[in-house]
Amino acid sequence: MNKQIFVNLAVKDLDKSKAFFNALGYTFNPQ
C-alpha cells in the first residue's frame, strides 16, 4: 500500500468550507 497523507483541519462551518474548496476545483470523497 502506498503511503497517504491526511491533513486534519478544524472548521467552523463545514458547508461553507466545502463550497470554498469546491470553488478552487477540489472534490470530496462521499464515502
ModelCIF file with pLDDT and N, C-alpha, C, O atoms, coordinates in Angstrom:
data_MODEL
#
_entry.id   MODEL 
#
_entity.id                         1 
_entity.type                       polymer 
_entity.pdbx_number_of_molecules   1 
#
_entity_poly.entity_id                      1 
_entity_poly.type                           'polypeptide(L)' 
_entity_poly.nstd_linkage                   no 
_entity_poly.nstd_monomer                   no 
_entity_poly.pdbx_seq_one_letter_code       MNKQIFVNLAVKDLDKSKAFFNALGYTFNPQ 
_entity_poly.pdbx_seq_one_letter_code_can   MNKQIFVNLAVKDLDKSKAFFNALGYTFNPQ 
_entity_poly.pdbx_strand_id                 A 
#
loop_
_entity_poly_seq.entity_id 
_entity_poly_seq.num 
_entity_poly_seq.mon_id 
_entity_poly_seq.hetero 
1 1  MET n 
1 2  ASN n 
1 3  LYS n 
1 4  GLN n 
1 5  ILE n 
1 6  PHE n 
1 7  VAL n 
1 8  ASN n 
1 9  LEU n 
1 10 ALA n 
1 11 VAL n 
1 12 LYS n 
1 13 ASP n 
1 14 LEU n 
1 15 ASP n 
1 16 LYS n 
1 17 SER n 
1 18 LYS n 
1 19 ALA n 
1 20 PHE n 
1 21 PHE n 
1 22 ASN n 
1 23 ALA n 
1 24 LEU n 
1 25 GLY n 
1 26 TYR n 
1 27 THR n 
1 28 PHE n 
1 29 ASN n 
1 30 PRO n 
1 31 GLN n 
#
_struct_asym.id          A 
_struct_asym.entity_id   1 
#
loop_
_ma_qa_metric.id 
_ma_qa_metric.mode 
_ma_qa_metric.name 
_ma_qa_metric.software_group_id 
_ma_qa_metric.type 
1 global pLDDT . pLDDT 
2 local  pLDDT . pLDDT 
#
_ma_qa_metric_global.metric_id      1 
_ma_qa_metric_global.metric_value   95.61 
_ma_qa_metric_global.model_id       1 
_ma_qa_metric_global.ordinal_id     1 
#
loop_
_ma_qa_metric_local.label_asym_id 
_ma_qa_metric_local.label_comp_id 
_ma_qa_metric_local.label_seq_id 
_ma_qa_metric_local.metric_id 
_ma_qa_metric_local.metric_value 
_ma_qa_metric_local.model_id 
_ma_qa_metric_local.ordinal_id 
A MET 1  2 68.00 1 1  
A ASN 2  2 84.00 1 2  
A LYS 3  2 90.00 1 3  
A GLN 4  2 93.00 1 4  
A ILE 5  2 94.00 1 5  
A PHE 6  2 96.00 1 6  
A VAL 7  2 96.00 1 7  
A ASN 8  2 97.00 1 8  
A LEU 9  2 97.00 1 9  
A ALA 10 2 97.00 1 10 
A VAL 11 2 97.00 1 11 
A LYS 12 2 97.00 1 12 
A ASP 13 2 98.00 1 13 
A LEU 14 2 98.00 1 14 
A ASP 15 2 98.00 1 15 
A LYS 16 2 98.00 1 16 
A SER 17 2 98.00 1 17 
A LYS 18 2 98.00 1 18 
A ALA 19 2 98.00 1 19 
A PHE 20 2 98.00 1 20 
A PHE 21 2 98.00 1 21 
A ASN 22 2 98.00 1 22 
A ALA 23 2 98.00 1 23 
A LEU 24 2 98.00 1 24 
A GLY 25 2 97.00 1 25 
A TYR 26 2 98.00 1 26 
A THR 27 2 98.00 1 27 
A PHE 28 2 98.00 1 28 
A ASN 29 2 97.00 1 29 
A PRO 30 2 97.00 1 30 
A GLN 31 2 97.00 1 31 
#
loop_
_atom_site.group_PDB 
_atom_site.id 
_atom_site.type_symbol 
_atom_site.label_atom_id 
_atom_site.label_alt_id 
_atom_site.label_comp_id 
_atom_site.label_asym_id 
_atom_site.label_entity_id 
_atom_site.label_seq_id 
_atom_site.pdbx_PDB_ins_code 
_atom_site.Cartn_x 
_atom_site.Cartn_y 
_atom_site.Cartn_z 
_atom_site.occupancy 
_atom_site.B_iso_or_equiv 
_atom_site.pdbx_formal_charge 
_atom_site.auth_seq_id 
_atom_site.auth_comp_id 
_atom_site.auth_asym_id 
_atom_site.auth_atom_id 
_atom_site.pdbx_PDB_model_num 
ATOM 1   N N  . MET A 1 1  ? 0.845   -1.184 0.000  1.00 68.00 ? 1  MET A N  1 
ATOM 2   C CA . MET A 1 1  ? 0.000   0.000  0.000  1.00 68.00 ? 1  MET A CA 1 
ATOM 3   C C  . MET A 1 1  ? 0.885   1.240  0.000  1.00 68.00 ? 1  MET A C  1 
ATOM 4   O O  . MET A 1 1  ? 1.852   1.321  0.757  1.00 68.00 ? 1  MET A O  1 
ATOM 5   N N  . ASN A 1 2  ? 0.552   2.200  -0.848 1.00 84.00 ? 2  ASN A N  1 
ATOM 6   C CA . ASN A 1 2  ? 1.273   3.464  -0.885 1.00 84.00 ? 2  ASN A CA 1 
ATOM 7   C C  . ASN A 1 2  ? 0.955   4.283  0.346  1.00 84.00 ? 2  ASN A C  1 
ATOM 8   O O  . ASN A 1 2  ? -0.142  4.196  0.897  1.00 84.00 ? 2  ASN A O  1 
ATOM 9   N N  . LYS A 1 3  ? 1.917   5.077  0.775  1.00 90.00 ? 3  LYS A N  1 
ATOM 10  C CA . LYS A 1 3  ? 1.692   5.998  1.888  1.00 90.00 ? 3  LYS A CA 1 
ATOM 11  C C  . LYS A 1 3  ? 0.705   7.069  1.441  1.00 90.00 ? 3  LYS A C  1 
ATOM 12  O O  . LYS A 1 3  ? 0.719   7.500  0.288  1.00 90.00 ? 3  LYS A O  1 
ATOM 13  N N  . GLN A 1 4  ? -0.140  7.488  2.358  1.00 93.00 ? 4  GLN A N  1 
ATOM 14  C CA . GLN A 1 4  ? -1.103  8.540  2.093  1.00 93.00 ? 4  GLN A CA 1 
ATOM 15  C C  . GLN A 1 4  ? -1.002  9.575  3.204  1.00 93.00 ? 4  GLN A C  1 
ATOM 16  O O  . GLN A 1 4  ? -0.635  9.249  4.333  1.00 93.00 ? 4  GLN A O  1 
ATOM 17  N N  . ILE A 1 5  ? -1.325  10.813 2.885  1.00 94.00 ? 5  ILE A N  1 
ATOM 18  C CA . ILE A 1 5  ? -1.326  11.890 3.872  1.00 94.00 ? 5  ILE A CA 1 
ATOM 19  C C  . ILE A 1 5  ? -2.755  12.369 4.048  1.00 94.00 ? 5  ILE A C  1 
ATOM 20  O O  . ILE A 1 5  ? -3.454  12.648 3.073  1.00 94.00 ? 5  ILE A O  1 
ATOM 21  N N  . PHE A 1 6  ? -3.181  12.461 5.301  1.00 96.00 ? 6  PHE A N  1 
ATOM 22  C CA . PHE A 1 6  ? -4.484  13.011 5.655  1.00 96.00 ? 6  PHE A CA 1 
ATOM 23  C C  . PHE A 1 6  ? -4.236  14.170 6.614  1.00 96.00 ? 6  PHE A C  1 
ATOM 24  O O  . PHE A 1 6  ? -3.920  13.954 7.784  1.00 96.00 ? 6  PHE A O  1 
ATOM 25  N N  . VAL A 1 7  ? -4.377  15.390 6.126  1.00 96.00 ? 7  VAL A N  1 
ATOM 26  C CA . VAL A 1 7  ? -4.253  16.576 6.967  1.00 96.00 ? 7  VAL A CA 1 
ATOM 27  C C  . VAL A 1 7  ? -5.631  16.827 7.555  1.00 96.00 ? 7  VAL A C  1 
ATOM 28  O O  . VAL A 1 7  ? -6.608  16.968 6.819  1.00 96.00 ? 7  VAL A O  1 
ATOM 29  N N  . ASN A 1 8  ? -5.715  16.882 8.879  1.00 97.00 ? 8  ASN A N  1 
ATOM 30  C CA . ASN A 1 8  ? -6.998  17.092 9.547  1.00 97.00 ? 8  ASN A CA 1 
ATOM 31  C C  . ASN A 1 8  ? -7.076  18.529 10.041 1.00 97.00 ? 8  ASN A C  1 
ATOM 32  O O  . ASN A 1 8  ? -6.204  18.985 10.780 1.00 97.00 ? 8  ASN A O  1 
ATOM 33  N N  . LEU A 1 9  ? -8.128  19.247 9.630  1.00 97.00 ? 9  LEU A N  1 
ATOM 34  C CA . LEU A 1 9  ? -8.292  20.650 9.985  1.00 97.00 ? 9  LEU A CA 1 
ATOM 35  C C  . LEU A 1 9  ? -9.669  20.888 10.576 1.00 97.00 ? 9  LEU A C  1 
ATOM 36  O O  . LEU A 1 9  ? -10.673 20.395 10.064 1.00 97.00 ? 9  LEU A O  1 
ATOM 37  N N  . ALA A 1 10 ? -9.704  21.651 11.663 1.00 97.00 ? 10 ALA A N  1 
ATOM 38  C CA . ALA A 1 10 ? -10.974 22.025 12.276 1.00 97.00 ? 10 ALA A CA 1 
ATOM 39  C C  . ALA A 1 10 ? -11.580 23.181 11.491 1.00 97.00 ? 10 ALA A C  1 
ATOM 40  O O  . ALA A 1 10 ? -10.884 24.130 11.134 1.00 97.00 ? 10 ALA A O  1 
ATOM 41  N N  . VAL A 1 11 ? -12.881 23.096 11.225 1.00 97.00 ? 11 VAL A N  1 
ATOM 42  C CA . VAL A 1 11 ? -13.582 24.168 10.513 1.00 97.00 ? 11 VAL A CA 1 
ATOM 43  C C  . VAL A 1 11 ? -14.839 24.557 11.281 1.00 97.00 ? 11 VAL A C  1 
ATOM 44  O O  . VAL A 1 11 ? -15.459 23.727 11.946 1.00 97.00 ? 11 VAL A O  1 
ATOM 45  N N  . LYS A 1 12 ? -15.201 25.822 11.180 1.00 97.00 ? 12 LYS A N  1 
ATOM 46  C CA . LYS A 1 12 ? -16.382 26.311 11.881 1.00 97.00 ? 12 LYS A CA 1 
ATOM 47  C C  . LYS A 1 12 ? -17.679 25.969 11.148 1.00 97.00 ? 12 LYS A C  1 
ATOM 48  O O  . LYS A 1 12 ? -18.677 25.627 11.783 1.00 97.00 ? 12 LYS A O  1 
ATOM 49  N N  . ASP A 1 13 ? -17.672 26.057 9.826  1.00 98.00 ? 13 ASP A N  1 
ATOM 50  C CA . ASP A 1 13 ? -18.872 25.804 9.028  1.00 98.00 ? 13 ASP A CA 1 
ATOM 51  C C  . ASP A 1 13 ? -18.487 24.876 7.879  1.00 98.00 ? 13 ASP A C  1 
ATOM 52  O O  . ASP A 1 13 ? -17.890 25.308 6.892  1.00 98.00 ? 13 ASP A O  1 
ATOM 53  N N  . LEU A 1 14 ? -18.829 23.617 8.016  1.00 98.00 ? 14 LEU A N  1 
ATOM 54  C CA . LEU A 1 14 ? -18.418 22.614 7.034  1.00 98.00 ? 14 LEU A CA 1 
ATOM 55  C C  . LEU A 1 14 ? -18.960 22.903 5.643  1.00 98.00 ? 14 LEU A C  1 
ATOM 56  O O  . LEU A 1 14 ? -18.233 22.762 4.660  1.00 98.00 ? 14 LEU A O  1 
ATOM 57  N N  . ASP A 1 15 ? -20.214 23.303 5.540  1.00 98.00 ? 15 ASP A N  1 
ATOM 58  C CA . ASP A 1 15 ? -20.790 23.576 4.219  1.00 98.00 ? 15 ASP A CA 1 
ATOM 59  C C  . ASP A 1 15 ? -20.072 24.734 3.526  1.00 98.00 ? 15 ASP A C  1 
ATOM 60  O O  . ASP A 1 15 ? -19.798 24.660 2.328  1.00 98.00 ? 15 ASP A O  1 
ATOM 61  N N  . LYS A 1 16 ? -19.765 25.799 4.264  1.00 98.00 ? 16 LYS A N  1 
ATOM 62  C CA . LYS A 1 16 ? -19.047 26.932 3.671  1.00 98.00 ? 16 LYS A CA 1 
ATOM 63  C C  . LYS A 1 16 ? -17.634 26.528 3.277  1.00 98.00 ? 16 LYS A C  1 
ATOM 64  O O  . LYS A 1 16 ? -17.135 26.962 2.239  1.00 98.00 ? 16 LYS A O  1 
ATOM 65  N N  . SER A 1 17 ? -16.983 25.704 4.092  1.00 98.00 ? 17 SER A N  1 
ATOM 66  C CA . SER A 1 17 ? -15.632 25.246 3.753  1.00 98.00 ? 17 SER A CA 1 
ATOM 67  C C  . SER A 1 17 ? -15.640 24.378 2.506  1.00 98.00 ? 17 SER A C  1 
ATOM 68  O O  . SER A 1 17 ? -14.763 24.508 1.652  1.00 98.00 ? 17 SER A O  1 
ATOM 69  N N  . LYS A 1 18 ? -16.626 23.493 2.395  1.00 98.00 ? 18 LYS A N  1 
ATOM 70  C CA . LYS A 1 18 ? -16.727 22.664 1.200  1.00 98.00 ? 18 LYS A CA 1 
ATOM 71  C C  . LYS A 1 18 ? -16.965 23.528 -0.038 1.00 98.00 ? 18 LYS A C  1 
ATOM 72  O O  . LYS A 1 18 ? -16.362 23.284 -1.083 1.00 98.00 ? 18 LYS A O  1 
ATOM 73  N N  . ALA A 1 19 ? -17.827 24.523 0.066  1.00 98.00 ? 19 ALA A N  1 
ATOM 74  C CA . ALA A 1 19 ? -18.098 25.409 -1.070 1.00 98.00 ? 19 ALA A CA 1 
ATOM 75  C C  . ALA A 1 19 ? -16.834 26.182 -1.454 1.00 98.00 ? 19 ALA A C  1 
ATOM 76  O O  . ALA A 1 19 ? -16.554 26.363 -2.639 1.00 98.00 ? 19 ALA A O  1 
ATOM 77  N N  . PHE A 1 20 ? -16.076 26.633 -0.465 1.00 98.00 ? 20 PHE A N  1 
ATOM 78  C CA . PHE A 1 20 ? -14.828 27.358 -0.721 1.00 98.00 ? 20 PHE A CA 1 
ATOM 79  C C  . PHE A 1 20 ? -13.866 26.483 -1.521 1.00 98.00 ? 20 PHE A C  1 
ATOM 80  O O  . PHE A 1 20 ? -13.352 26.913 -2.554 1.00 98.00 ? 20 PHE A O  1 
ATOM 81  N N  . PHE A 1 21 ? -13.621 25.267 -1.055 1.00 98.00 ? 21 PHE A N  1 
ATOM 82  C CA . PHE A 1 21 ? -12.661 24.404 -1.731 1.00 98.00 ? 21 PHE A CA 1 
ATOM 83  C C  . PHE A 1 21 ? -13.195 23.862 -3.054 1.00 98.00 ? 21 PHE A C  1 
ATOM 84  O O  . PHE A 1 21 ? -12.411 23.580 -3.960 1.00 98.00 ? 21 PHE A O  1 
ATOM 85  N N  . ASN A 1 22 ? -14.517 23.709 -3.184 1.00 98.00 ? 22 ASN A N  1 
ATOM 86  C CA . ASN A 1 22 ? -15.103 23.375 -4.494 1.00 98.00 ? 22 ASN A CA 1 
ATOM 87  C C  . ASN A 1 22 ? -14.797 24.477 -5.499 1.00 98.00 ? 22 ASN A C  1 
ATOM 88  O O  . ASN A 1 22 ? -14.525 24.190 -6.665 1.00 98.00 ? 22 ASN A O  1 
ATOM 89  N N  . ALA A 1 23 ? -14.838 25.740 -5.062 1.00 98.00 ? 23 ALA A N  1 
ATOM 90  C CA . ALA A 1 23 ? -14.552 26.869 -5.950 1.00 98.00 ? 23 ALA A CA 1 
ATOM 91  C C  . ALA A 1 23 ? -13.100 26.848 -6.429 1.00 98.00 ? 23 ALA A C  1 
ATOM 92  O O  . ALA A 1 23 ? -12.778 27.442 -7.458 1.00 98.00 ? 23 ALA A O  1 
ATOM 93  N N  . LEU A 1 24 ? -12.223 26.167 -5.687 1.00 98.00 ? 24 LEU A N  1 
ATOM 94  C CA . LEU A 1 24 ? -10.823 26.035 -6.091 1.00 98.00 ? 24 LEU A CA 1 
ATOM 95  C C  . LEU A 1 24 ? -10.614 24.815 -6.989 1.00 98.00 ? 24 LEU A C  1 
ATOM 96  O O  . LEU A 1 24 ? -9.517  24.596 -7.502 1.00 98.00 ? 24 LEU A O  1 
ATOM 97  N N  . GLY A 1 25 ? -11.670 24.025 -7.175 1.00 97.00 ? 25 GLY A N  1 
ATOM 98  C CA . GLY A 1 25 ? -11.601 22.868 -8.060 1.00 97.00 ? 25 GLY A CA 1 
ATOM 99  C C  . GLY A 1 25 ? -11.412 21.541 -7.352 1.00 97.00 ? 25 GLY A C  1 
ATOM 100 O O  . GLY A 1 25 ? -11.249 20.513 -8.009 1.00 97.00 ? 25 GLY A O  1 
ATOM 101 N N  . TYR A 1 26 ? -11.431 21.540 -6.020 1.00 98.00 ? 26 TYR A N  1 
ATOM 102 C CA . TYR A 1 26 ? -11.261 20.284 -5.284 1.00 98.00 ? 26 TYR A CA 1 
ATOM 103 C C  . TYR A 1 26 ? -12.597 19.556 -5.163 1.00 98.00 ? 26 TYR A C  1 
ATOM 104 O O  . TYR A 1 26 ? -13.662 20.174 -5.149 1.00 98.00 ? 26 TYR A O  1 
ATOM 105 N N  . THR A 1 27 ? -12.516 18.238 -5.077 1.00 98.00 ? 27 THR A N  1 
ATOM 106 C CA . THR A 1 27 ? -13.701 17.404 -4.910 1.00 98.00 ? 27 THR A CA 1 
ATOM 107 C C  . THR A 1 27 ? -13.647 16.717 -3.551 1.00 98.00 ? 27 THR A C  1 
ATOM 108 O O  . THR A 1 27 ? -12.635 16.773 -2.851 1.00 98.00 ? 27 THR A O  1 
ATOM 109 N N  . PHE A 1 28 ? -14.743 16.073 -3.191 1.00 98.00 ? 28 PHE A N  1 
ATOM 110 C CA . PHE A 1 28 ? -14.842 15.394 -1.906 1.00 98.00 ? 28 PHE A CA 1 
ATOM 111 C C  . PHE A 1 28 ? -15.247 13.944 -2.113 1.00 98.00 ? 28 PHE A C  1 
ATOM 112 O O  . PHE A 1 28 ? -16.105 13.631 -2.939 1.00 98.00 ? 28 PHE A O  1 
ATOM 113 N N  . ASN A 1 29 ? -14.615 13.071 -1.349 1.00 97.00 ? 29 ASN A N  1 
ATOM 114 C CA . ASN A 1 29 ? -14.942 11.658 -1.416 1.00 97.00 ? 29 ASN A CA 1 
ATOM 115 C C  . ASN A 1 29 ? -16.204 11.429 -0.583 1.00 97.00 ? 29 ASN A C  1 
ATOM 116 O O  . ASN A 1 29 ? -16.151 11.539 0.642  1.00 97.00 ? 29 ASN A O  1 
ATOM 117 N N  . PRO A 1 30 ? -17.345 11.110 -1.220 1.00 97.00 ? 30 PRO A N  1 
ATOM 118 C CA . PRO A 1 30 ? -18.598 10.964 -0.483 1.00 97.00 ? 30 PRO A CA 1 
ATOM 119 C C  . PRO A 1 30 ? -18.575 9.809  0.516  1.00 97.00 ? 30 PRO A C  1 
ATOM 120 O O  . PRO A 1 30 ? -19.331 9.820  1.487  1.00 97.00 ? 30 PRO A O  1 
ATOM 121 N N  . GLN A 1 31 ? -17.723 8.818  0.291  1.00 97.00 ? 31 GLN A N  1 
ATOM 122 C CA . GLN A 1 31 ? -17.639 7.674  1.198  1.00 97.00 ? 31 GLN A CA 1 
ATOM 123 C C  . GLN A 1 31 ? -17.144 8.103  2.585  1.00 97.00 ? 31 GLN A C  1 
ATOM 124 O O  . GLN A 1 31 ? -17.012 7.267  3.479  1.00 97.00 ? 31 GLN A O  1 
#
